[in-house]
PDB file of N, CA and C in Angstrom:
ATOM      1  N   MET A   1     -20.115   8.501  19.152  1.00  0.00           N
ATOM      2  CA  MET A   1     -21.085   8.153  18.354  1.00  0.00           C
ATOM      3  C   MET A   1     -20.699   7.307  17.198  1.00  0.00           C
ATOM      4  N   SER A   2     -19.493   6.843  17.213  1.00  0.00           N
ATOM      5  CA  SER A   2     -18.758   5.918  16.088  1.00  0.00           C
ATOM      6  C   SER A   2     -19.392   4.655  16.248  1.00  0.00           C
ATOM      7  N   LEU A   3     -19.731   3.791  17.209  1.00  0.00           N
ATOM      8  CA  LEU A   3     -20.566   2.701  17.390  1.00  0.00           C
ATOM      9  C   LEU A   3     -21.853   2.889  16.698  1.00  0.00           C
ATOM     10  N   SER A   4     -22.650   3.805  17.131  1.00  0.00           N
ATOM     11  CA  SER A   4     -24.061   4.092  16.620  1.00  0.00           C
ATOM     12  C   SER A   4     -23.932   4.316  15.510  1.00  0.00           C
ATOM     13  N   ILE A   5     -23.041   4.783  14.466  1.00  0.00           N
ATOM     14  CA  ILE A   5     -22.822   5.011  13.027  1.00  0.00           C
ATOM     15  C   ILE A   5     -22.577   3.722  12.436  1.00  0.00           C
ATOM     16  N   LEU A   6     -21.890   2.792  13.039  1.00  0.00           N
ATOM     17  CA  LEU A   6     -21.612   1.418  12.464  1.00  0.00           C
ATOM     18  C   LEU A   6     -23.152   0.738  12.583  1.00  0.00           C
ATOM     19  N   GLN A   7     -23.642   0.749  13.648  1.00  0.00           N
ATOM     20  CA  GLN A   7     -25.116   0.081  13.726  1.00  0.00           C
ATOM     21  C   GLN A   7     -26.079   0.827  12.893  1.00  0.00           C
ATOM     22  N   LEU A   8     -26.046   2.064  12.375  1.00  0.00           N
ATOM     23  CA  LEU A   8     -27.056   2.559  11.666  1.00  0.00           C
ATOM     24  C   LEU A   8     -26.691   2.363  10.478  1.00  0.00           C
ATOM     25  N   ALA A   9     -25.336   2.196   9.870  1.00  0.00           N
ATOM     26  CA  ALA A   9     -25.263   1.843   8.688  1.00  0.00           C
ATOM     27  C   ALA A   9     -25.486   0.367   8.296  1.00  0.00           C
ATOM     28  N   GLU A  10     -25.354  -0.218   9.324  1.00  0.00           N
ATOM     29  CA  GLU A  10     -25.546  -2.057   9.113  1.00  0.00           C
ATOM     30  C   GLU A  10     -27.141  -2.137   9.133  1.00  0.00           C
ATOM     31  N   ASP A  11     -27.870  -1.530   9.877  1.00  0.00           N
ATOM     32  CA  ASP A  11     -29.257  -1.440   9.698  1.00  0.00           C
ATOM     33  C   ASP A  11     -29.893  -1.089   8.634  1.00  0.00           C
ATOM     34  N   LEU A  12     -29.463   0.027   8.158  1.00  0.00           N
ATOM     35  CA  LEU A  12     -30.101   0.481   6.722  1.00  0.00           C
ATOM     36  C   LEU A  12     -29.386  -0.537   5.522  1.00  0.00           C
ATOM     37  N   ALA A  13     -28.342  -1.054   5.532  1.00  0.00           N
ATOM     38  CA  ALA A  13     -27.885  -1.855   4.563  1.00  0.00           C
ATOM     39  C   ALA A  13     -28.764  -3.124   4.577  1.00  0.00           C
ATOM     40  N   LYS A  14     -29.140  -3.458   5.702  1.00  0.00           N
ATOM     41  CA  LYS A  14     -30.093  -4.830   5.803  1.00  0.00           C
ATOM     42  C   LYS A  14     -31.610  -4.456   5.395  1.00  0.00           C
ATOM     43  N   GLY A  15     -31.877  -3.094   5.141  1.00  0.00           N
ATOM     44  CA  GLY A  15     -33.011  -2.809   4.602  1.00  0.00           C
ATOM     45  C   GLY A  15     -34.039  -2.271   5.620  1.00  0.00           C
ATOM     46  N   LYS A  16     -33.494  -1.999   7.157  1.00  0.00           N
ATOM     47  CA  LYS A  16     -34.578  -1.395   7.812  1.00  0.00           C
ATOM     48  C   LYS A  16     -34.632  -0.146   7.853  1.00  0.00           C
ATOM     49  N   ARG A  17     -35.799   0.388   7.890  1.00  0.00           N
ATOM     50  CA  ARG A  17     -36.339   2.079   7.700  1.00  0.00           C
ATOM     51  C   ARG A  17     -36.050   2.675   8.947  1.00  0.00           C
ATOM     52  N   MET A  18     -35.455   3.585   8.882  1.00  0.00           N
ATOM     53  CA  MET A  18     -35.363   4.649  10.193  1.00  0.00           C
ATOM     54  C   MET A  18     -34.645   6.187   9.504  1.00  0.00           C
ATOM     55  N   ARG A  19     -34.590   6.885  10.632  1.00  0.00           N
ATOM     56  CA  ARG A  19     -34.372   8.084  10.221  1.00  0.00           C
ATOM     57  C   ARG A  19     -32.930   8.274  10.644  1.00  0.00           C
ATOM     58  N   VAL A  20     -31.980   8.974   9.806  1.00  0.00           N
ATOM     59  CA  VAL A  20     -30.767   9.319  10.036  1.00  0.00           C
ATOM     60  C   VAL A  20     -30.749  10.706  10.719  1.00  0.00           C
ATOM     61  N   PRO A  21     -29.743  10.573  11.728  1.00  0.00           N
ATOM     62  CA  PRO A  21     -29.754  11.959  12.718  1.00  0.00           C
ATOM     63  C   PRO A  21     -28.930  12.786  11.962  1.00  0.00           C
ATOM     64  N   PRO A  22     -28.996  14.054  12.560  1.00  0.00           N
ATOM     65  CA  PRO A  22     -27.990  14.884  12.092  1.00  0.00           C
ATOM     66  C   PRO A  22     -26.583  14.692  12.505  1.00  0.00           C
ATOM     67  N   MET A  23     -25.690  14.692  11.612  1.00  0.00           N
ATOM     68  CA  MET A  23     -23.933  14.600  11.660  1.00  0.00           C
ATOM     69  C   MET A  23     -23.509  15.758  10.953  1.00  0.00           C
ATOM     70  N   ASN A  24     -22.060  15.840  11.510  1.00  0.00           N
ATOM     71  CA  ASN A  24     -21.328  16.723  11.259  1.00  0.00           C
ATOM     72  C   ASN A  24     -20.420  16.077  10.004  1.00  0.00           C
ATOM     73  N   GLY A  25     -19.467  16.927   9.108  1.00  0.00           N
ATOM     74  CA  GLY A  25     -19.103  16.160   8.041  1.00  0.00           C
ATOM     75  C   GLY A  25     -18.206  14.914   8.288  1.00  0.00           C
ATOM     76  N   PRO A  26     -17.357  14.975   9.035  1.00  0.00           N
ATOM     77  CA  PRO A  26     -16.555  13.740   9.537  1.00  0.00           C
ATOM     78  C   PRO A  26     -17.455  12.455   9.913  1.00  0.00           C
ATOM     79  N   GLU A  27     -18.546  12.657  10.527  1.00  0.00           N
ATOM     80  CA  GLU A  27     -19.377  11.692  10.563  1.00  0.00           C
ATOM     81  C   GLU A  27     -20.019  11.216   9.611  1.00  0.00           C
ATOM     82  N   TRP A  28     -20.447  12.098   8.722  1.00  0.00           N
ATOM     83  CA  TRP A  28     -21.260  11.719   7.527  1.00  0.00           C
ATOM     84  C   TRP A  28     -20.182  11.004   6.701  1.00  0.00           C
ATOM     85  N   ARG A  29     -19.132  11.451   6.520  1.00  0.00           N
ATOM     86  CA  ARG A  29     -18.064  10.442   5.742  1.00  0.00           C
ATOM     87  C   ARG A  29     -17.886   9.164   6.206  1.00  0.00           C
ATOM     88  N   HIS A  30     -17.853   9.065   7.675  1.00  0.00           N
ATOM     89  CA  HIS A  30     -17.594   7.785   8.187  1.00  0.00           C
ATOM     90  C   HIS A  30     -19.002   7.006   7.816  1.00  0.00           C
ATOM     91  N   PHE A  31     -20.210   7.354   8.214  1.00  0.00           N
ATOM     92  CA  PHE A  31     -21.149   6.811   7.985  1.00  0.00           C
ATOM     93  C   PHE A  31     -21.349   6.191   6.483  1.00  0.00           C
ATOM     94  N   CYS A  32     -21.054   6.967   5.745  1.00  0.00           N
ATOM     95  CA  CYS A  32     -21.107   6.716   4.265  1.00  0.00           C
ATOM     96  C   CYS A  32     -20.259   5.686   3.632  1.00  0.00           C
ATOM     97  N   PHE A  33     -19.049   5.639   4.424  1.00  0.00           N
ATOM     98  CA  PHE A  33     -18.103   4.751   3.973  1.00  0.00           C
ATOM     99  C   PHE A  33     -18.759   3.533   4.664  1.00  0.00           C
ATOM    100  N   TRP A  34     -19.021   3.050   6.051  1.00  0.00           N
ATOM    101  CA  TRP A  34     -19.345   2.150   6.426  1.00  0.00           C
ATOM    102  C   TRP A  34     -20.936   1.770   5.879  1.00  0.00           C
ATOM    103  N   LEU A  35     -21.770   2.425   5.443  1.00  0.00           N
ATOM    104  CA  LEU A  35     -22.995   2.045   4.488  1.00  0.00           C
ATOM    105  C   LEU A  35     -22.442   1.221   3.272  1.00  0.00           C
ATOM    106  N   GLU A  36     -21.605   1.949   2.417  1.00  0.00           N
ATOM    107  CA  GLU A  36     -20.942   1.284   1.082  1.00  0.00           C
ATOM    108  C   GLU A  36     -20.348  -0.081   1.436  1.00  0.00           C
ATOM    109  N   TYR A  37     -19.689  -0.155   2.685  1.00  0.00           N
ATOM    110  CA  TYR A  37     -19.076  -1.330   2.964  1.00  0.00           C
ATOM    111  C   TYR A  37     -20.339  -2.319   3.276  1.00  0.00           C
ATOM    112  N   TYR A  38     -20.988  -1.985   4.024  1.00  0.00           N
ATOM    113  CA  TYR A  38     -22.239  -3.092   4.548  1.00  0.00           C
ATOM    114  C   TYR A  38     -22.964  -3.524   3.102  1.00  0.00           C
ATOM    115  N   MET A  39     -23.414  -2.484   2.456  1.00  0.00           N
ATOM    116  CA  MET A  39     -24.299  -2.845   1.227  1.00  0.00           C
ATOM    117  C   MET A  39     -23.430  -3.834   0.117  1.00  0.00           C
ATOM    118  N   GLY A  40     -22.158  -3.494  -0.076  1.00  0.00           N
ATOM    119  CA  GLY A  40     -21.128  -4.546  -0.674  1.00  0.00           C
ATOM    120  C   GLY A  40     -21.156  -5.728   0.089  1.00  0.00           C
ATOM    121  N   TYR A  41     -20.876  -5.673   1.238  1.00  0.00           N
ATOM    122  CA  TYR A  41     -20.868  -6.934   1.876  1.00  0.00           C
ATOM    123  C   TYR A  41     -22.270  -7.705   2.095  1.00  0.00           C
ATOM    124  N   SER A  42     -23.291  -7.303   1.943  1.00  0.00           N
ATOM    125  CA  SER A  42     -24.722  -7.998   1.821  1.00  0.00           C
ATOM    126  C   SER A  42     -25.130  -8.574   0.416  1.00  0.00           C
ATOM    127  N   MET A  43     -24.358  -8.322  -0.737  1.00  0.00           N
ATOM    128  CA  MET A  43     -24.719  -8.783  -1.855  1.00  0.00           C
ATOM    129  C   MET A  43     -24.333  -9.990  -2.241  1.00  0.00           C
TER     130      MET A  43
END
């Protein structure tokens, strides 16, 4: 699921609306890290 987490984070940072699938703890932290990364990168 690692690649899909990256794609999901990138799409959300670009403003695309979507549902976030259920994730366990490590997946959620991984997703939050990449979302913050892409949001900072897009500014």
